[in-house]
Every structure is written in C-alpha cells, then in structure tokens.
PDB file of all heavy atoms in Angstrom:
ATOM      1  N   ALA A   1       0.839  -1.198   0.022  1.00  0.00           N
ATOM      2  CA  ALA A   1       0.016  -0.009   0.003  1.00  0.00           C
ATOM      3  C   ALA A   1       0.852   1.247   0.004  1.00  0.00           C
ATOM      4  O   ALA A   1       0.580   2.226  -0.667  1.00  0.00           O
ATOM      5  CB  ALA A   1      -0.964  -0.019   1.216  1.00  0.00           C
ATOM      6  N   CYS A   2       1.947   1.253   0.738  1.00  0.00           N
ATOM      7  CA  CYS A   2       2.835   2.390   0.831  1.00  0.00           C
ATOM      8  C   CYS A   2       3.647   2.629  -0.460  1.00  0.00           C
ATOM      9  O   CYS A   2       4.147   3.723  -0.688  1.00  0.00           O
ATOM     10  CB  CYS A   2       3.766   2.280   2.042  1.00  0.00           C
ATOM     11  SG  CYS A   2       2.942   2.543   3.575  1.00  0.00           S
ATOM     12  N   LEU A   3       3.779   1.609  -1.269  1.00  0.00           N
ATOM     13  CA  LEU A   3       4.512   1.803  -2.549  1.00  0.00           C
ATOM     14  C   LEU A   3       3.758   2.750  -3.454  1.00  0.00           C
ATOM     15  O   LEU A   3       4.352   3.460  -4.275  1.00  0.00           O
ATOM     16  CB  LEU A   3       4.704   0.422  -3.246  1.00  0.00           C
ATOM     17  CG  LEU A   3       5.793  -0.440  -2.716  1.00  0.00           C
ATOM     18  CD1 LEU A   3       5.798  -1.772  -3.447  1.00  0.00           C
ATOM     19  CD2 LEU A   3       7.138   0.243  -2.793  1.00  0.00           C
ATOM     20  N   SER A   4       2.390   2.795  -3.342  1.00  0.00           N
ATOM     21  CA  SER A   4       1.621   3.645  -4.210  1.00  0.00           C
ATOM     22  C   SER A   4       1.404   5.008  -3.601  1.00  0.00           C
ATOM     23  O   SER A   4       0.913   5.962  -4.222  1.00  0.00           O
ATOM     24  CB  SER A   4       0.264   2.979  -4.574  1.00  0.00           C
ATOM     25  OG  SER A   4      -0.455   2.790  -3.319  1.00  0.00           O
ATOM     26  N   MET A   5       1.719   5.213  -2.310  1.00  0.00           N
ATOM     27  CA  MET A   5       1.522   6.469  -1.602  1.00  0.00           C
ATOM     28  C   MET A   5       2.812   7.226  -1.527  1.00  0.00           C
ATOM     29  O   MET A   5       3.894   6.636  -1.753  1.00  0.00           O
ATOM     30  CB  MET A   5       1.022   6.252  -0.169  1.00  0.00           C
ATOM     31  CG  MET A   5      -0.326   5.632  -0.052  1.00  0.00           C
ATOM     32  SD  MET A   5      -0.743   5.551   1.683  1.00  0.00           S
ATOM     33  CE  MET A   5      -2.137   4.453   1.600  1.00  0.00           C
ATOM     34  N   PRO A   6       2.781   8.550  -1.287  1.00  0.00           N
ATOM     35  CA  PRO A   6       3.991   9.307  -1.113  1.00  0.00           C
ATOM     36  C   PRO A   6       4.737   8.833   0.116  1.00  0.00           C
ATOM     37  O   PRO A   6       4.109   8.442   1.115  1.00  0.00           O
ATOM     38  CB  PRO A   6       3.553  10.743  -0.982  1.00  0.00           C
ATOM     39  CG  PRO A   6       2.095  10.749  -0.831  1.00  0.00           C
ATOM     40  CD  PRO A   6       1.564   9.391  -1.208  1.00  0.00           C
ATOM     41  N   MET A   7       6.048   8.946   0.084  1.00  0.00           N
ATOM     42  CA  MET A   7       6.907   8.474   1.199  1.00  0.00           C
ATOM     43  C   MET A   7       6.693   9.326   2.453  1.00  0.00           C
ATOM     44  O   MET A   7       6.904   8.882   3.574  1.00  0.00           O
ATOM     45  CB  MET A   7       8.365   8.472   0.829  1.00  0.00           C
ATOM     46  CG  MET A   7       8.730   7.397  -0.179  1.00  0.00           C
ATOM     47  SD  MET A   7      10.431   7.470  -0.685  1.00  0.00           S
ATOM     48  CE  MET A   7      11.208   6.719   0.689  1.00  0.00           C
ATOM     49  N   SER A   8       6.315  10.559   2.229  1.00  0.00           N
ATOM     50  CA  SER A   8       6.143  11.456   3.412  1.00  0.00           C
ATOM     51  C   SER A   8       4.766  11.382   4.042  1.00  0.00           C
ATOM     52  O   SER A   8       4.476  12.093   4.970  1.00  0.00           O
ATOM     53  CB  SER A   8       6.444  12.909   2.969  1.00  0.00           C
ATOM     54  OG  SER A   8       5.515  13.288   1.969  1.00  0.00           O
ATOM     55  N   GLY A   9       3.909  10.499   3.552  1.00  0.00           N
ATOM     56  CA  GLY A   9       2.583  10.341   4.110  1.00  0.00           C
ATOM     57  C   GLY A   9       2.640   9.861   5.506  1.00  0.00           C
ATOM     58  O   GLY A   9       3.497   9.059   5.898  1.00  0.00           O
ATOM     59  N   PRO A  10       1.748  10.350   6.402  1.00  0.00           N
ATOM     60  CA  PRO A  10       1.820   9.957   7.831  1.00  0.00           C
ATOM     61  C   PRO A  10       1.559   8.456   8.069  1.00  0.00           C
ATOM     62  O   PRO A  10       2.092   7.878   8.979  1.00  0.00           O
ATOM     63  CB  PRO A  10       0.732  10.802   8.457  1.00  0.00           C
ATOM     64  CG  PRO A  10      -0.179  11.261   7.375  1.00  0.00           C
ATOM     65  CD  PRO A  10       0.623  11.270   6.140  1.00  0.00           C
ATOM     66  N   ALA A  11       0.784   7.808   7.215  1.00  0.00           N
ATOM     67  CA  ALA A  11       0.526   6.400   7.423  1.00  0.00           C
ATOM     68  C   ALA A  11       1.744   5.496   7.070  1.00  0.00           C
ATOM     69  O   ALA A  11       1.945   4.471   7.646  1.00  0.00           O
ATOM     70  CB  ALA A  11      -0.680   5.976   6.567  1.00  0.00           C
ATOM     71  N   CYS A  12       2.583   5.990   6.172  1.00  0.00           N
ATOM     72  CA  CYS A  12       3.726   5.187   5.705  1.00  0.00           C
ATOM     73  C   CYS A  12       5.064   5.621   6.299  1.00  0.00           C
ATOM     74  O   CYS A  12       6.085   4.949   6.078  1.00  0.00           O
ATOM     75  CB  CYS A  12       3.787   5.269   4.178  1.00  0.00           C
ATOM     76  SG  CYS A  12       2.339   4.555   3.396  1.00  0.00           S
ATOM     77  N   ARG A  13       5.089   6.698   7.046  1.00  0.00           N
ATOM     78  CA  ARG A  13       6.336   7.170   7.605  1.00  0.00           C
ATOM     79  C   ARG A  13       7.081   6.120   8.421  1.00  0.00           C
ATOM     80  O   ARG A  13       8.267   5.914   8.264  1.00  0.00           O
ATOM     81  CB  ARG A  13       6.104   8.484   8.377  1.00  0.00           C
ATOM     82  CG  ARG A  13       7.397   8.922   9.064  1.00  0.00           C
ATOM     83  CD  ARG A  13       7.349  10.309   9.557  1.00  0.00           C
ATOM     84  NE  ARG A  13       7.645  11.171   8.435  1.00  0.00           N
ATOM     85  CZ  ARG A  13       7.190  12.390   8.286  1.00  0.00           C
ATOM     86  NH1 ARG A  13       6.446  12.910   9.198  1.00  0.00           N
ATOM     87  NH2 ARG A  13       7.526  13.113   7.259  1.00  0.00           N
ATOM     88  N   PRO A  14       6.416   5.418   9.381  1.00  0.00           N
ATOM     89  CA  PRO A  14       7.152   4.424  10.169  1.00  0.00           C
ATOM     90  C   PRO A  14       7.762   3.314   9.319  1.00  0.00           C
ATOM     91  O   PRO A  14       8.873   2.854   9.569  1.00  0.00           O
ATOM     92  CB  PRO A  14       6.087   3.828  11.118  1.00  0.00           C
ATOM     93  CG  PRO A  14       5.021   4.850  11.167  1.00  0.00           C
ATOM     94  CD  PRO A  14       5.016   5.529   9.847  1.00  0.00           C
ATOM     95  N   LEU A  15       7.060   2.906   8.279  1.00  0.00           N
ATOM     96  CA  LEU A  15       7.587   1.824   7.395  1.00  0.00           C
ATOM     97  C   LEU A  15       8.833   2.336   6.677  1.00  0.00           C
ATOM     98  O   LEU A  15       9.837   1.598   6.660  1.00  0.00           O
ATOM     99  CB  LEU A  15       6.529   1.378   6.385  1.00  0.00           C
ATOM    100  CG  LEU A  15       7.040   0.392   5.357  1.00  0.00           C
ATOM    101  CD1 LEU A  15       7.248  -0.949   5.995  1.00  0.00           C
ATOM    102  CD2 LEU A  15       6.110   0.340   4.216  1.00  0.00           C
ATOM    103  N   TRP A  16       8.735   3.502   6.086  1.00  0.00           N
ATOM    104  CA  TRP A  16       9.882   4.038   5.305  1.00  0.00           C
ATOM    105  C   TRP A  16      11.080   4.371   6.259  1.00  0.00           C
ATOM    106  O   TRP A  16      12.223   4.281   5.817  1.00  0.00           O
ATOM    107  CB  TRP A  16       9.509   5.208   4.459  1.00  0.00           C
ATOM    108  CG  TRP A  16       8.584   4.774   3.344  1.00  0.00           C
ATOM    109  CD1 TRP A  16       7.298   5.269   3.124  1.00  0.00           C
ATOM    110  CD2 TRP A  16       8.847   3.823   2.343  1.00  0.00           C
ATOM    111  NE1 TRP A  16       6.766   4.612   2.011  1.00  0.00           N
ATOM    112  CE2 TRP A  16       7.703   3.740   1.531  1.00  0.00           C
ATOM    113  CE3 TRP A  16       9.900   2.994   2.037  1.00  0.00           C
ATOM    114  CZ2 TRP A  16       7.605   2.852   0.420  1.00  0.00           C
ATOM    115  CZ3 TRP A  16       9.800   2.153   0.974  1.00  0.00           C
ATOM    116  CH2 TRP A  16       8.718   2.073   0.159  1.00  0.00           C
ATOM    117  N   GLU A  17      10.800   4.783   7.449  1.00  0.00           N
ATOM    118  CA  GLU A  17      11.897   5.032   8.394  1.00  0.00           C
ATOM    119  C   GLU A  17      12.601   3.740   8.683  1.00  0.00           C
ATOM    120  O   GLU A  17      13.831   3.656   8.764  1.00  0.00           O
ATOM    121  CB  GLU A  17      11.360   5.634   9.676  1.00  0.00           C
ATOM    122  CG  GLU A  17      11.064   7.127   9.556  1.00  0.00           C
ATOM    123  CD  GLU A  17      10.593   7.729  10.851  1.00  0.00           C
ATOM    124  OE1 GLU A  17      10.354   6.999  11.823  1.00  0.00           O
ATOM    125  OE2 GLU A  17      10.378   8.977  10.862  1.00  0.00           O
ATOM    126  N   ALA A  18      11.838   2.632   8.915  1.00  0.00           N
ATOM    127  CA  ALA A  18      12.419   1.318   9.142  1.00  0.00           C
ATOM    128  C   ALA A  18      13.265   0.906   7.959  1.00  0.00           C
ATOM    129  O   ALA A  18      14.383   0.344   8.101  1.00  0.00           O
ATOM    130  CB  ALA A  18      11.379   0.340   9.510  1.00  0.00           C
ATOM    131  N   VAL A  19      12.689   1.093   6.747  1.00  0.00           N
ATOM    132  CA  VAL A  19      13.442   0.736   5.562  1.00  0.00           C
ATOM    133  C   VAL A  19      14.697   1.551   5.453  1.00  0.00           C
ATOM    134  O   VAL A  19      15.770   1.009   5.086  1.00  0.00           O
ATOM    135  CB  VAL A  19      12.528   0.897   4.297  1.00  0.00           C
ATOM    136  CG1 VAL A  19      13.350   0.794   3.007  1.00  0.00           C
ATOM    137  CG2 VAL A  19      11.419  -0.129   4.281  1.00  0.00           C
ATOM    138  N   MET A  20      14.630   2.831   5.747  1.00  0.00           N
ATOM    139  CA  MET A  20      15.759   3.710   5.641  1.00  0.00           C
ATOM    140  C   MET A  20      16.877   3.308   6.633  1.00  0.00           C
ATOM    141  O   MET A  20      18.050   3.198   6.269  1.00  0.00           O
ATOM    142  CB  MET A  20      15.356   5.147   5.873  1.00  0.00           C
ATOM    143  CG  MET A  20      16.467   6.199   5.803  1.00  0.00           C
ATOM    144  SD  MET A  20      15.943   7.823   6.269  1.00  0.00           S
ATOM    145  CE  MET A  20      15.457   7.632   7.952  1.00  0.00           C
ATOM    146  N   TYR A  21      16.503   3.107   7.873  1.00  0.00           N
ATOM    147  CA  TYR A  21      17.495   2.725   8.871  1.00  0.00           C
ATOM    148  C   TYR A  21      18.092   1.361   8.598  1.00  0.00           C
ATOM    149  O   TYR A  21      19.279   1.161   8.769  1.00  0.00           O
ATOM    150  CB  TYR A  21      16.865   2.734  10.288  1.00  0.00           C
ATOM    151  CG  TYR A  21      16.547   4.120  10.742  1.00  0.00           C
ATOM    152  CD1 TYR A  21      15.315   4.423  11.378  1.00  0.00           C
ATOM    153  CD2 TYR A  21      17.449   5.198  10.640  1.00  0.00           C
ATOM    154  CE1 TYR A  21      15.007   5.668  11.803  1.00  0.00           C
ATOM    155  CE2 TYR A  21      17.143   6.466  11.081  1.00  0.00           C
ATOM    156  CZ  TYR A  21      15.902   6.708  11.655  1.00  0.00           C
ATOM    157  OH  TYR A  21      15.653   7.965  12.057  1.00  0.00           O
ATOM    158  N   THR A  22      17.321   0.418   8.110  1.00  0.00           N
ATOM    159  CA  THR A  22      17.814  -0.883   7.791  1.00  0.00           C
ATOM    160  C   THR A  22      18.800  -0.792   6.589  1.00  0.00           C
ATOM    161  O   THR A  22      19.883  -1.391   6.599  1.00  0.00           O
ATOM    162  CB  THR A  22      16.683  -1.836   7.400  1.00  0.00           C
ATOM    163  OG1 THR A  22      15.762  -1.909   8.502  1.00  0.00           O
ATOM    164  CG2 THR A  22      17.176  -3.254   7.062  1.00  0.00           C
ATOM    165  N   SER A  23      18.427  -0.013   5.605  1.00  0.00           N
ATOM    166  CA  SER A  23      19.328   0.186   4.423  1.00  0.00           C
ATOM    167  C   SER A  23      20.636   0.867   4.856  1.00  0.00           C
ATOM    168  O   SER A  23      21.711   0.525   4.419  1.00  0.00           O
ATOM    169  CB  SER A  23      18.644   1.036   3.360  1.00  0.00           C
ATOM    170  OG  SER A  23      17.512   0.398   2.916  1.00  0.00           O
ATOM    171  N   ALA A  24      20.508   1.866   5.743  1.00  0.00           N
ATOM    172  CA  ALA A  24      21.729   2.574   6.214  1.00  0.00           C
ATOM    173  C   ALA A  24      22.645   1.639   6.987  1.00  0.00           C
ATOM    174  O   ALA A  24      23.858   1.645   6.832  1.00  0.00           O
ATOM    175  CB  ALA A  24      21.329   3.782   7.067  1.00  0.00           C
ATOM    176  N   ALA A  25      22.021   0.782   7.830  1.00  0.00           N
ATOM    177  CA  ALA A  25      22.786  -0.132   8.634  1.00  0.00           C
ATOM    178  C   ALA A  25      23.472  -1.179   7.727  1.00  0.00           C
ATOM    179  O   ALA A  25      24.673  -1.499   7.924  1.00  0.00           O
ATOM    180  CB  ALA A  25      21.912  -0.844   9.652  1.00  0.00           C
ATOM    181  N   PHE A  26      22.731  -1.700   6.763  1.00  0.00           N
ATOM    182  CA  PHE A  26      23.322  -2.635   5.797  1.00  0.00           C
ATOM    183  C   PHE A  26      24.478  -2.005   5.024  1.00  0.00           C
ATOM    184  O   PHE A  26      25.530  -2.588   4.799  1.00  0.00           O
ATOM    185  CB  PHE A  26      22.234  -3.147   4.856  1.00  0.00           C
ATOM    186  CG  PHE A  26      22.747  -4.136   3.901  1.00  0.00           C
ATOM    187  CD1 PHE A  26      23.043  -5.430   4.315  1.00  0.00           C
ATOM    188  CD2 PHE A  26      22.941  -3.854   2.552  1.00  0.00           C
ATOM    189  CE1 PHE A  26      23.543  -6.411   3.451  1.00  0.00           C
ATOM    190  CE2 PHE A  26      23.435  -4.746   1.675  1.00  0.00           C
ATOM    191  CZ  PHE A  26      23.706  -6.043   2.109  1.00  0.00           C
ATOM    192  N   GLY A  27      24.285  -0.757   4.565  1.00  0.00           N
ATOM    193  CA  GLY A  27      25.352  -0.066   3.860  1.00  0.00           C
ATOM    194  C   GLY A  27      26.572   0.189   4.680  1.00  0.00           C
ATOM    195  O   GLY A  27      27.696   0.048   4.221  1.00  0.00           O
ATOM    196  N   LEU A  28      26.347   0.499   5.961  1.00  0.00           N
ATOM    197  CA  LEU A  28      27.481   0.697   6.859  1.00  0.00           C
ATOM    198  C   LEU A  28      28.242  -0.629   7.088  1.00  0.00           C
ATOM    199  O   LEU A  28      29.491  -0.626   7.072  1.00  0.00           O
ATOM    200  CB  LEU A  28      26.962   1.211   8.211  1.00  0.00           C
ATOM    201  CG  LEU A  28      28.023   1.496   9.293  1.00  0.00           C
ATOM    202  CD1 LEU A  28      28.976   2.590   8.815  1.00  0.00           C
ATOM    203  CD2 LEU A  28      27.363   1.871  10.606  1.00  0.00           C
ATOM    204  N   VAL A  29      27.505  -1.711   7.274  1.00  0.00           N
ATOM    205  CA  VAL A  29      28.177  -3.016   7.419  1.00  0.00           C
ATOM    206  C   VAL A  29      29.000  -3.363   6.161  1.00  0.00           C
ATOM    207  O   VAL A  29      30.139  -3.816   6.299  1.00  0.00           O
ATOM    208  CB  VAL A  29      27.129  -4.126   7.794  1.00  0.00           C
ATOM    209  CG1 VAL A  29      27.722  -5.495   7.645  1.00  0.00           C
ATOM    210  CG2 VAL A  29      26.579  -3.871   9.151  1.00  0.00           C
ATOM    211  N   VAL A  30      28.443  -3.146   5.037  1.00  0.00           N
ATOM    212  CA  VAL A  30      29.148  -3.489   3.758  1.00  0.00           C
ATOM    213  C   VAL A  30      30.397  -2.571   3.621  1.00  0.00           C
ATOM    214  O   VAL A  30      31.424  -3.067   3.246  1.00  0.00           O
ATOM    215  CB  VAL A  30      28.208  -3.338   2.545  1.00  0.00           C
ATOM    216  CG1 VAL A  30      28.978  -3.385   1.235  1.00  0.00           C
ATOM    217  CG2 VAL A  30      27.170  -4.430   2.573  1.00  0.00           C
ATOM    218  N   THR A  31      30.241  -1.280   3.964  1.00  0.00           N
ATOM    219  CA  THR A  31      31.367  -0.373   3.880  1.00  0.00           C
ATOM    220  C   THR A  31      32.462  -0.789   4.847  1.00  0.00           C
ATOM    221  O   THR A  31      33.680  -0.761   4.472  1.00  0.00           O
ATOM    222  CB  THR A  31      30.908   1.074   4.146  1.00  0.00           C
ATOM    223  OG1 THR A  31      29.882   1.398   3.180  1.00  0.00           O
ATOM    224  CG2 THR A  31      32.082   2.049   4.045  1.00  0.00           C
ATOM    225  N   LEU A  32      32.123  -1.104   6.075  1.00  0.00           N
ATOM    226  CA  LEU A  32      33.098  -1.527   7.052  1.00  0.00           C
ATOM    227  C   LEU A  32      33.808  -2.805   6.623  1.00  0.00           C
ATOM    228  O   LEU A  32      35.001  -2.992   6.808  1.00  0.00           O
ATOM    229  CB  LEU A  32      32.467  -1.697   8.423  1.00  0.00           C
ATOM    230  CG  LEU A  32      32.032  -0.395   9.130  1.00  0.00           C
ATOM    231  CD1 LEU A  32      31.304  -0.718  10.388  1.00  0.00           C
ATOM    232  CD2 LEU A  32      33.241   0.460   9.401  1.00  0.00           C
ATOM    233  N   TRP A  33      33.020  -3.756   6.052  1.00  0.00           N
ATOM    234  CA  TRP A  33      33.629  -5.012   5.603  1.00  0.00           C
ATOM    235  C   TRP A  33      34.624  -4.740   4.457  1.00  0.00           C
ATOM    236  O   TRP A  33      35.688  -5.330   4.460  1.00  0.00           O
ATOM    237  CB  TRP A  33      32.495  -5.955   5.131  1.00  0.00           C
ATOM    238  CG  TRP A  33      33.038  -7.199   4.504  1.00  0.00           C
ATOM    239  CD1 TRP A  33      33.461  -8.332   5.151  1.00  0.00           C
ATOM    240  CD2 TRP A  33      33.169  -7.469   3.088  1.00  0.00           C
ATOM    241  NE1 TRP A  33      33.870  -9.288   4.255  1.00  0.00           N
ATOM    242  CE2 TRP A  33      33.733  -8.797   2.972  1.00  0.00           C
ATOM    243  CE3 TRP A  33      32.900  -6.746   1.947  1.00  0.00           C
ATOM    244  CZ2 TRP A  33      33.971  -9.354   1.742  1.00  0.00           C
ATOM    245  CZ3 TRP A  33      33.194  -7.307   0.717  1.00  0.00           C
ATOM    246  CH2 TRP A  33      33.737  -8.594   0.664  1.00  0.00           C
ATOM    247  N   ALA A  34      34.218  -3.901   3.532  1.00  0.00           N
ATOM    248  CA  ALA A  34      35.134  -3.561   2.407  1.00  0.00           C
ATOM    249  C   ALA A  34      36.392  -2.848   2.924  1.00  0.00           C
ATOM    250  O   ALA A  34      37.515  -3.146   2.469  1.00  0.00           O
ATOM    251  CB  ALA A  34      34.406  -2.685   1.388  1.00  0.00           C
ATOM    252  N   ALA A  35      36.223  -1.940   3.842  1.00  0.00           N
ATOM    253  CA  ALA A  35      37.386  -1.264   4.424  1.00  0.00           C
ATOM    254  C   ALA A  35      38.333  -2.292   5.152  1.00  0.00           C
ATOM    255  O   ALA A  35      39.536  -2.189   5.051  1.00  0.00           O
ATOM    256  CB  ALA A  35      36.947  -0.179   5.388  1.00  0.00           C
ATOM    257  N   TRP A  36      37.719  -3.214   5.857  1.00  0.00           N
ATOM    258  CA  TRP A  36      38.504  -4.233   6.543  1.00  0.00           C
ATOM    259  C   TRP A  36      39.295  -5.080   5.557  1.00  0.00           C
ATOM    260  O   TRP A  36      40.462  -5.350   5.741  1.00  0.00           O
ATOM    261  CB  TRP A  36      37.573  -5.141   7.366  1.00  0.00           C
ATOM    262  CG  TRP A  36      38.307  -6.167   8.113  1.00  0.00           C
ATOM    263  CD1 TRP A  36      38.499  -7.473   7.749  1.00  0.00           C
ATOM    264  CD2 TRP A  36      38.883  -6.060   9.392  1.00  0.00           C
ATOM    265  NE1 TRP A  36      39.216  -8.157   8.679  1.00  0.00           N
ATOM    266  CE2 TRP A  36      39.477  -7.282   9.759  1.00  0.00           C
ATOM    267  CE3 TRP A  36      38.973  -5.012  10.325  1.00  0.00           C
ATOM    268  CZ2 TRP A  36      40.107  -7.503  10.905  1.00  0.00           C
ATOM    269  CZ3 TRP A  36      39.654  -5.262  11.523  1.00  0.00           C
ATOM    270  CH2 TRP A  36      40.199  -6.495  11.784  1.00  0.00           C
TER     271      TRP A  36
END
C-alpha cells in the first residue's frame, strides 16, 4: 500500500523510516567489511 503512496505520508512514515534505517545499517556493514 505504501508503494503507491508518497513516502512522506503519515501512514507510511514508520515503514519508510524502518526501511531507511535498515538500508543505512546494511550499507554501513558493507562499507566496514570492504574497508576491513
């Protein structure tokens, strides 16, 4: 349902925040692994 709505909509904000934080954490892990 949130795929068809704007990301800034109040009903979808918690979902997109979770997606954003998960993506950021995954990107950080991949970056740290590559640096290692």
